[in-house]
Amino acid sequence: MSVPNAVWSSMLPADATFPPDRVAVRAAGHRIEFADGSTRLCATSGLWNVPLGYGNPVVGEAVARATHDASYLTLFRASHRYAEAAAEGLLDLADPTRYSRVIFSTSGGAANDAAMKLARQYWAQKGAGSRSLIVGLKGSYHGTMYGSHALSGDDLLQSVYSVDRRSVRHVSSSDEGEELATLLKREGSRVASVVVEPVLGSGAYALTEAFIDRLVLLREEYGFLLVADEVATGFGRTGAMLATDEWPAAPDVLLLSKALTNGATGAAAILVGPRVASEFARGGWTFVHGETQAGTPVCAAAITAVMEELRRIDVETTTKALGAELFRLATALKSDGLITEVTGRGCFVGMGLRHHDERRLSSSEVLRVVSAIADHGVLVQPGPSSIELIPAYGFTSEELRTVDAAVRSGLARVQEAAA
């Protein structure tokens, strides 16, 4: 019997073990090398985190300089120039007319927790403390901190962990906002914020224009804060610098993480619009939230370097072209009957999987598909009865052909085993 190693890996049974060909030892460009000497092409951008490829030298050099020059500086009751430069750069990238302040965090889950707190305090200090409900989407994923775990719309054993969801509601995003409108008619005066992912990370389902338009109109009617969780979609992933750049109006709060440092260090950023920021400043209110490792010099230097690299590669043009190739690949797989649907946007594509009798695959069955594709040399992301392709922005046509071949071979092997 294999004995699990000291690392308790996320989102797997506690008795999971990893043979040498599944233990990573290094990564460069778009490939990961494993302990047995094999390499695989990573079509997940390292869980969305590495859109510029592993080991980007510009980011690496910036981190090394910051580590040498200022190994740690805090943002607790203090500031430092590294964080100020990164915040100014983020506001410039996202449009300073839409956002005016930046709160640094350490992960997407922690940023979602902070955004929930920010919305509730905003209303409480304005004398509307009853506006404490946070509304999310069914099937959404915002993290597994206690707040973000409650907000996540997937079934993630919330009841087992006694996650308190009494002040959280979930609505569908597939009905052009009808369920949200119905909820607001009933409880609109109690809703602090509505939190949405422009593309749901679980399944790569993009919000429709009709839903977004309705969402913006409902904000005008009911006054809630609109929070966009762009942890997965930010920095060019959908073909725009930010997916919300294409919305008819800006959200009140924007959350960024994953691509923020190209995987160099854990980081997130909460961009706060003037509606919220001006009230906090005018009232002299203190936001009681802090994370020891948030906005350190290393983190801030990596963020600044990533923004420079995104501009250098003309990220929007690059990702639009790559996204078009990616959708052609996925559409061909669907035409050939290997997948049942194509979802997503830009360089964030989901491919639906079903049994011959149209039953959805279980999570364990999806993981078998992912493993079979990995055996043919490519890493893909599992989704709910789907797999997802999230390539780094430098992927070549040849690398996409490698992905196509591996997906086809992996699916064929699983189908043969099930026959």
Protein backbone atom coordinates (compact mmCIF):
# COMPACT_ATOMS: atom_id res chain seq x y z
CA MET A 1 0.00 0.00 0.00
CA SER A 2 1.37 3.41 -0.99
CA VAL A 3 1.79 5.89 1.84
CA PRO A 4 0.85 9.54 1.15
CA ASN A 5 3.78 11.92 1.33
CA ALA A 6 4.02 14.84 3.75
CA VAL A 7 2.18 17.24 1.40
CA TRP A 8 -1.59 17.10 1.82
CA SER A 9 -2.74 18.16 -1.65
CA SER A 10 -5.85 20.25 -2.27
CA MET A 11 -9.14 18.89 -3.57
CA LEU A 12 -8.16 15.21 -3.51
CA PRO A 13 -8.90 12.34 -1.09
CA ALA A 14 -6.50 12.29 1.84
CA ASP A 15 -5.05 8.92 0.77
CA ALA A 16 -4.04 10.21 -2.68
CA THR A 17 -0.50 9.33 -3.72
CA PHE A 18 1.60 10.55 -6.61
CA PRO A 19 3.98 8.39 -8.65
CA PRO A 20 7.18 10.02 -9.97
CA ASP A 21 5.54 10.93 -13.28
CA ARG A 22 3.06 13.10 -11.36
CA VAL A 23 5.52 14.87 -9.04
CA ALA A 24 6.67 18.14 -10.62
CA VAL A 25 10.28 19.16 -10.21
CA ARG A 26 10.56 22.28 -12.41
CA ALA A 27 8.70 24.32 -14.99
CA ALA A 28 9.84 26.52 -17.88
CA GLY A 29 7.93 28.18 -20.69
CA HIS A 30 4.80 26.12 -21.20
CA ARG A 31 6.12 22.79 -19.93
CA ILE A 32 6.38 21.10 -16.55
CA GLU A 33 9.05 18.49 -15.85
CA PHE A 34 8.35 15.57 -13.52
CA ALA A 35 10.47 13.42 -11.23
CA ASP A 36 10.73 10.59 -13.77
CA GLY A 37 12.24 12.96 -16.35
CA SER A 38 9.08 13.29 -18.44
CA THR A 39 7.58 16.64 -19.42
CA ARG A 40 4.02 17.71 -20.18
CA LEU A 41 2.61 20.72 -21.95
CA CYS A 42 0.56 22.78 -19.50
CA ALA A 43 -2.71 23.97 -21.05
CA THR A 44 -3.97 25.45 -17.76
CA SER A 45 -1.54 28.37 -17.36
CA GLY A 46 -0.76 26.86 -13.96
CA LEU A 47 -4.37 27.09 -12.75
CA TRP A 48 -4.77 30.47 -14.55
CA ASN A 49 -1.76 31.88 -12.68
CA VAL A 50 0.98 31.86 -15.34
CA PRO A 51 -0.29 33.49 -18.57
CA LEU A 52 3.22 34.72 -19.44
CA GLY A 53 4.76 31.26 -19.18
CA TYR A 54 6.73 29.65 -16.38
CA GLY A 55 9.94 31.42 -15.40
CA ASN A 56 9.26 34.73 -17.14
CA PRO A 57 12.64 36.49 -16.81
CA VAL A 58 11.28 40.03 -16.41
CA VAL A 59 9.06 39.01 -13.50
CA GLY A 60 11.81 36.85 -12.00
CA GLU A 61 14.35 39.67 -12.10
CA ALA A 62 11.90 42.14 -10.55
CA VAL A 63 11.17 39.73 -7.70
CA ALA A 64 14.89 39.08 -7.11
CA ARG A 65 15.63 42.82 -6.91
CA ALA A 66 12.80 43.43 -4.47
CA THR A 67 13.86 40.47 -2.32
CA HIS A 68 17.36 41.94 -2.10
CA ASP A 69 16.41 45.59 -1.63
CA ALA A 70 13.40 45.28 0.68
CA SER A 71 12.74 41.73 1.78
CA TYR A 72 9.62 42.78 3.72
CA LEU A 73 7.68 45.97 4.29
CA THR A 74 4.19 46.11 5.75
CA LEU A 75 0.95 47.83 4.82
CA PHE A 76 -0.36 47.63 8.39
CA ARG A 77 -0.81 51.32 9.36
CA ALA A 78 1.94 52.10 6.86
CA SER A 79 2.77 52.38 3.18
CA HIS A 80 5.76 51.77 0.94
CA ARG A 81 6.71 52.87 -2.53
CA TYR A 82 6.58 49.38 -4.09
CA ALA A 83 2.89 49.05 -3.19
CA GLU A 84 2.17 52.63 -4.23
CA ALA A 85 3.71 52.04 -7.67
CA ALA A 86 1.79 48.78 -8.15
CA ALA A 87 -1.50 50.39 -7.08
CA GLU A 88 -0.98 53.36 -9.40
CA GLY A 89 -0.19 50.97 -12.23
CA LEU A 90 -3.30 48.88 -11.58
CA LEU A 91 -5.54 51.95 -11.57
CA ASP A 92 -3.99 53.14 -14.82
CA LEU A 93 -4.48 49.71 -16.39
CA ALA A 94 -8.10 49.44 -15.21
CA ASP A 95 -9.01 53.12 -15.88
CA PRO A 96 -8.72 55.65 -13.02
CA THR A 97 -12.18 57.03 -13.85
CA ARG A 98 -13.64 53.64 -12.90
CA TYR A 99 -11.51 52.83 -9.82
CA SER A 100 -9.70 55.08 -7.35
CA ARG A 101 -8.18 52.94 -4.57
CA VAL A 102 -6.47 49.55 -4.26
CA ILE A 103 -6.57 47.17 -1.29
CA PHE A 104 -3.97 44.42 -1.48
CA SER A 105 -4.78 40.86 -0.46
CA THR A 106 -3.11 37.45 -0.69
CA SER A 107 -5.50 35.26 -2.69
CA GLY A 108 -8.75 35.31 -4.60
CA GLY A 109 -10.58 33.72 -1.68
CA ALA A 110 -9.23 36.26 0.79
CA ALA A 111 -10.10 39.10 -1.61
CA ASN A 112 -13.68 37.84 -1.81
CA ASP A 113 -13.86 37.77 1.99
CA ALA A 114 -12.59 41.34 2.11
CA ALA A 115 -15.07 42.51 -0.54
CA MET A 116 -17.96 41.03 1.44
CA LYS A 117 -16.78 42.88 4.54
CA LEU A 118 -16.27 46.11 2.59
CA ALA A 119 -19.83 46.03 1.21
CA ARG A 120 -21.39 45.35 4.60
CA GLN A 121 -19.40 48.10 6.30
CA TYR A 122 -20.25 50.56 3.52
CA TRP A 123 -23.97 50.16 4.20
CA ALA A 124 -23.62 49.94 7.99
CA GLN A 125 -21.71 53.23 8.15
CA LYS A 126 -24.30 54.85 5.90
CA GLY A 127 -26.96 53.89 8.44
CA ALA A 128 -28.34 50.93 6.51
CA GLY A 129 -26.98 48.05 8.55
CA SER A 130 -29.86 45.82 7.48
CA ARG A 131 -28.26 45.68 4.01
CA SER A 132 -26.06 42.71 4.83
CA LEU A 133 -27.08 40.09 2.25
CA ILE A 134 -24.51 39.09 -0.35
CA VAL A 135 -25.86 37.57 -3.57
CA GLY A 136 -23.80 35.20 -5.71
CA LEU A 137 -24.47 32.94 -8.67
CA LYS A 138 -25.33 29.27 -8.70
CA GLY A 139 -22.34 27.28 -9.93
CA SER A 140 -19.88 30.03 -9.03
CA TYR A 141 -16.54 29.59 -7.31
CA HIS A 142 -15.04 32.32 -5.13
CA GLY A 143 -12.73 30.35 -2.86
CA THR A 144 -12.83 28.29 0.34
CA MET A 145 -12.17 30.84 3.08
CA TYR A 146 -15.18 31.03 5.39
CA GLY A 147 -16.73 34.01 3.64
CA SER A 148 -15.83 33.01 0.10
CA HIS A 149 -16.77 29.39 0.85
CA ALA A 150 -20.24 30.60 1.79
CA LEU A 151 -20.43 32.68 -1.39
CA SER A 152 -19.28 29.91 -3.73
CA GLY A 153 -22.31 28.50 -5.50
CA ASP A 154 -20.93 25.00 -6.00
CA ASP A 155 -21.54 22.19 -3.50
CA LEU A 156 -18.25 22.22 -1.58
CA LEU A 157 -19.29 20.54 1.69
CA GLN A 158 -20.36 23.87 3.18
CA SER A 159 -22.67 22.13 5.67
CA VAL A 160 -19.87 19.84 6.86
CA TYR A 161 -17.74 22.86 7.77
CA SER A 162 -20.65 24.75 9.38
CA VAL A 163 -20.17 27.54 6.87
CA ASP A 164 -22.69 30.25 7.73
CA ARG A 165 -24.78 31.00 4.63
CA ARG A 166 -27.68 32.76 6.35
CA SER A 167 -26.67 36.11 4.84
CA VAL A 168 -25.87 34.74 1.38
CA ARG A 169 -28.24 34.08 -1.50
CA HIS A 170 -27.65 32.39 -4.86
CA VAL A 171 -29.43 32.96 -8.16
CA SER A 172 -29.20 31.55 -11.66
CA SER A 173 -27.29 33.34 -14.41
CA SER A 174 -28.94 31.37 -17.23
CA ASP A 175 -32.31 33.16 -17.20
CA GLU A 176 -31.34 36.71 -18.25
CA GLY A 177 -31.58 37.88 -14.63
CA GLU A 178 -35.17 36.82 -13.88
CA GLU A 179 -34.29 34.97 -10.68
CA LEU A 180 -32.15 37.88 -9.49
CA ALA A 181 -34.98 40.33 -10.21
CA THR A 182 -37.42 38.16 -8.26
CA LEU A 183 -35.05 37.97 -5.29
CA LEU A 184 -34.56 41.74 -5.31
CA LYS A 185 -38.32 42.38 -5.34
CA ARG A 186 -38.48 40.34 -2.15
CA GLU A 187 -35.25 41.31 -0.39
CA GLY A 188 -33.69 44.17 -2.38
CA SER A 189 -33.60 46.55 0.57
CA ARG A 190 -31.41 44.05 2.43
CA VAL A 191 -28.89 43.31 -0.35
CA ALA A 192 -25.43 44.79 0.22
CA SER A 193 -23.79 43.49 -2.95
CA VAL A 194 -24.13 41.15 -5.89
CA VAL A 195 -20.93 39.27 -6.76
CA VAL A 196 -20.41 37.74 -10.20
CA GLU A 197 -17.66 36.13 -12.24
CA PRO A 198 -17.77 37.36 -15.88
CA VAL A 199 -16.97 33.78 -16.82
CA LEU A 200 -17.78 31.17 -14.19
CA GLY A 201 -14.54 29.40 -13.33
CA SER A 202 -16.46 26.15 -12.84
CA GLY A 203 -17.42 25.12 -16.37
CA ALA A 204 -16.29 28.29 -18.17
CA TYR A 205 -19.82 29.63 -18.59
CA ALA A 206 -19.69 33.25 -19.74
CA LEU A 207 -22.38 35.63 -18.55
CA THR A 208 -24.58 36.70 -21.46
CA GLU A 209 -24.90 40.32 -22.56
CA ALA A 210 -28.58 40.15 -21.62
CA PHE A 211 -27.75 39.07 -18.06
CA ILE A 212 -25.08 41.77 -17.66
CA ASP A 213 -27.40 44.48 -19.00
CA ARG A 214 -30.14 43.38 -16.59
CA LEU A 215 -27.64 43.27 -13.71
CA VAL A 216 -26.54 46.85 -14.34
CA LEU A 217 -30.14 48.08 -14.59
CA LEU A 218 -31.07 46.28 -11.36
CA ARG A 219 -28.16 47.98 -9.59
CA GLU A 220 -29.59 51.34 -10.66
CA GLU A 221 -33.00 50.34 -9.35
CA TYR A 222 -32.02 48.75 -6.03
CA GLY A 223 -28.69 50.44 -5.24
CA PHE A 224 -26.66 47.37 -4.26
CA LEU A 225 -22.90 47.33 -4.84
CA LEU A 226 -21.80 45.35 -7.87
CA VAL A 227 -18.65 43.27 -7.32
CA ALA A 228 -16.89 41.62 -10.27
CA ASP A 229 -14.70 38.65 -9.39
CA GLU A 230 -12.10 38.75 -12.17
CA VAL A 231 -9.69 36.45 -10.36
CA ALA A 232 -9.73 34.11 -13.37
CA THR A 233 -10.65 36.50 -16.20
CA GLY A 234 -8.40 39.50 -15.53
CA PHE A 235 -5.34 40.54 -17.54
CA GLY A 236 -6.41 39.59 -21.04
CA ARG A 237 -7.80 36.11 -20.45
CA THR A 238 -11.07 36.80 -22.31
CA GLY A 239 -9.58 38.97 -25.08
CA ALA A 240 -9.99 42.29 -23.26
CA MET A 241 -7.61 43.54 -20.58
CA LEU A 242 -10.48 43.06 -18.13
CA ALA A 243 -13.66 41.23 -19.02
CA THR A 244 -15.66 44.01 -17.37
CA ASP A 245 -14.13 46.58 -19.75
CA GLU A 246 -16.87 45.48 -22.15
CA TRP A 247 -19.71 45.97 -19.65
CA PRO A 248 -22.06 48.95 -20.13
CA ALA A 249 -20.98 50.31 -16.73
CA ALA A 250 -18.15 49.59 -14.32
CA PRO A 251 -18.62 47.45 -11.22
CA ASP A 252 -18.21 49.17 -7.87
CA VAL A 253 -15.49 46.72 -6.79
CA LEU A 254 -13.17 44.59 -8.94
CA LEU A 255 -11.21 41.58 -7.67
CA LEU A 256 -7.95 40.45 -9.29
CA SER A 257 -5.58 37.58 -8.46
CA LYS A 258 -4.08 34.54 -10.25
CA ALA A 259 -2.39 36.24 -13.25
CA LEU A 260 -1.54 39.24 -11.08
CA THR A 261 2.06 38.11 -10.38
CA ASN A 262 2.39 35.39 -13.07
CA GLY A 263 2.52 32.88 -10.23
CA ALA A 264 5.61 34.42 -8.63
CA THR A 265 3.92 34.98 -5.27
CA GLY A 266 0.48 34.79 -3.71
CA ALA A 267 -1.35 38.04 -4.32
CA ALA A 268 -4.71 39.65 -4.98
CA ALA A 269 -5.90 43.20 -5.48
CA ILE A 270 -9.27 44.78 -4.72
CA LEU A 271 -9.90 47.78 -6.95
CA VAL A 272 -12.46 50.06 -5.33
CA GLY A 273 -14.57 52.47 -7.35
CA PRO A 274 -15.22 56.07 -6.35
CA ARG A 275 -18.74 55.36 -5.06
CA VAL A 276 -17.31 53.30 -2.20
CA ALA A 277 -13.84 54.84 -1.82
CA SER A 278 -15.15 58.41 -1.55
CA GLU A 279 -17.59 57.52 1.23
CA PHE A 280 -14.88 55.81 3.29
CA ALA A 281 -12.55 58.79 2.79
CA ARG A 282 -15.22 61.41 3.48
CA GLY A 283 -16.31 59.66 6.66
CA GLY A 284 -12.80 58.81 7.82
CA TRP A 285 -13.95 55.22 8.26
CA THR A 286 -11.41 52.50 9.06
CA PHE A 287 -11.73 49.28 7.08
CA VAL A 288 -10.82 46.60 9.62
CA HIS A 289 -9.05 44.14 7.36
CA GLY A 290 -5.39 43.26 7.09
CA GLU A 291 -3.19 40.43 5.81
CA THR A 292 0.44 40.20 6.86
CA GLN A 293 1.74 39.16 3.46
CA ALA A 294 -0.48 41.44 1.36
CA GLY A 295 1.22 43.99 -0.87
CA THR A 296 4.79 43.17 0.16
CA PRO A 297 7.63 44.60 -1.97
CA VAL A 298 8.09 41.23 -3.71
CA CYS A 299 4.37 41.01 -4.47
CA ALA A 300 4.19 44.62 -5.69
CA ALA A 301 7.32 44.31 -7.83
CA ALA A 302 5.92 41.21 -9.51
CA ILE A 303 2.61 42.99 -10.24
CA THR A 304 4.41 45.94 -11.83
CA ALA A 305 6.55 43.64 -13.96
CA VAL A 306 3.52 41.66 -15.12
CA MET A 307 1.77 44.83 -16.25
CA GLU A 308 4.88 45.83 -18.21
CA GLU A 309 4.99 42.43 -19.90
CA LEU A 310 1.29 42.51 -20.78
CA ARG A 311 1.80 45.80 -22.55
CA ARG A 312 4.92 44.52 -24.31
CA ILE A 313 3.09 41.56 -25.85
CA ASP A 314 0.02 43.69 -26.72
CA VAL A 315 -2.07 41.32 -24.65
CA GLU A 316 -5.49 42.10 -26.10
CA THR A 317 -4.41 41.51 -29.71
CA THR A 318 -2.47 38.41 -28.69
CA THR A 319 -5.27 36.80 -26.72
CA LYS A 320 -7.93 37.55 -29.31
CA ALA A 321 -5.87 35.74 -31.95
CA LEU A 322 -5.06 32.80 -29.66
CA GLY A 323 -8.67 32.62 -28.49
CA ALA A 324 -9.89 32.32 -32.08
CA GLU A 325 -7.52 29.38 -32.67
CA LEU A 326 -8.59 27.79 -29.42
CA PHE A 327 -12.28 27.96 -30.31
CA ARG A 328 -11.57 26.44 -33.72
CA LEU A 329 -9.87 23.53 -31.95
CA ALA A 330 -12.79 23.04 -29.55
CA THR A 331 -15.42 23.41 -32.28
CA ALA A 332 -13.69 20.71 -34.34
CA LEU A 333 -13.78 18.36 -31.35
CA LYS A 334 -17.50 19.02 -31.00
CA SER A 335 -18.11 18.49 -34.73
CA ASP A 336 -16.34 15.16 -34.45
CA GLY A 337 -18.65 14.12 -31.60
CA LEU A 338 -15.93 13.97 -28.94
CA ILE A 339 -17.38 16.72 -26.75
CA THR A 340 -20.95 17.96 -26.32
CA GLU A 341 -20.59 21.73 -25.97
CA VAL A 342 -18.10 24.57 -26.13
CA THR A 343 -18.27 27.30 -23.48
CA GLY A 344 -16.15 30.22 -22.35
CA ARG A 345 -14.58 33.23 -23.97
CA GLY A 346 -11.16 34.12 -25.36
CA CYS A 347 -8.38 31.97 -23.95
CA PHE A 348 -10.72 30.40 -21.40
CA VAL A 349 -12.59 27.51 -23.03
CA GLY A 350 -14.73 24.75 -21.53
CA MET A 351 -15.59 21.51 -23.33
CA GLY A 352 -18.61 19.58 -22.10
CA LEU A 353 -18.49 15.82 -21.59
CA ARG A 354 -21.44 13.43 -21.41
CA HIS A 355 -22.03 9.69 -21.46
CA HIS A 356 -23.70 8.24 -24.57
CA ASP A 357 -27.02 8.34 -22.71
CA GLU A 358 -26.49 12.09 -21.97
CA ARG A 359 -25.69 11.54 -18.28
CA ARG A 360 -23.19 14.03 -16.84
CA LEU A 361 -19.79 12.69 -15.84
CA SER A 362 -19.07 12.55 -12.12
CA SER A 363 -16.06 14.42 -10.73
CA SER A 364 -14.09 11.16 -10.48
CA GLU A 365 -14.91 10.34 -14.11
CA VAL A 366 -13.73 13.78 -15.20
CA LEU A 367 -10.48 13.26 -13.31
CA ARG A 368 -9.97 9.98 -15.20
CA VAL A 369 -10.32 11.91 -18.46
CA VAL A 370 -7.83 14.52 -17.23
CA SER A 371 -5.41 11.76 -16.23
CA ALA A 372 -5.73 10.02 -19.61
CA ILE A 373 -4.97 13.29 -21.42
CA ALA A 374 -1.99 13.83 -19.11
CA ASP A 375 -0.73 10.37 -20.06
CA HIS A 376 -0.63 11.68 -23.64
CA GLY A 377 1.49 14.65 -22.63
CA VAL A 378 -0.89 17.55 -21.89
CA LEU A 379 -2.34 18.99 -18.66
CA VAL A 380 -5.92 20.28 -18.79
CA GLN A 381 -8.22 21.64 -16.09
CA PRO A 382 -11.17 19.57 -14.78
CA GLY A 383 -14.60 21.19 -14.61
CA PRO A 384 -18.14 20.05 -13.80
CA SER A 385 -18.69 17.33 -16.43
CA SER A 386 -16.16 19.13 -18.58
CA ILE A 387 -12.53 19.88 -19.19
CA GLU A 388 -11.12 23.37 -19.65
CA LEU A 389 -8.31 24.75 -21.80
CA ILE A 390 -6.62 27.84 -20.35
CA PRO A 391 -3.35 28.17 -22.29
CA ALA A 392 -0.62 30.71 -21.64
CA TYR A 393 -0.68 33.62 -24.08
CA GLY A 394 2.50 32.53 -25.87
CA PHE A 395 1.07 29.21 -27.06
CA THR A 396 2.00 28.42 -30.67
CA SER A 397 -0.11 26.72 -33.33
CA GLU A 398 2.11 23.67 -32.96
CA GLU A 399 1.45 23.53 -29.23
CA LEU A 400 -2.29 23.77 -29.87
CA ARG A 401 -1.99 20.82 -32.25
CA THR A 402 -0.27 18.91 -29.43
CA VAL A 403 -3.21 19.76 -27.16
CA ASP A 404 -5.70 18.63 -29.79
CA ALA A 405 -3.95 15.30 -30.30
CA ALA A 406 -3.68 14.60 -26.57
CA VAL A 407 -7.33 15.44 -25.90
CA ARG A 408 -8.45 13.18 -28.74
CA SER A 409 -6.22 10.32 -27.59
CA GLY A 410 -7.18 10.69 -23.93
CA LEU A 411 -10.92 10.74 -24.69
CA ALA A 412 -10.56 7.70 -26.97
CA ARG A 413 -8.76 5.73 -24.27
CA VAL A 414 -11.45 6.52 -21.67
CA GLN A 415 -14.20 5.55 -24.08
CA GLU A 416 -12.44 2.26 -24.91
CA ALA A 417 -12.05 1.46 -21.22
CA ALA A 418 -15.76 2.12 -20.63
CA ALA A 419 -16.91 -0.03 -23.58
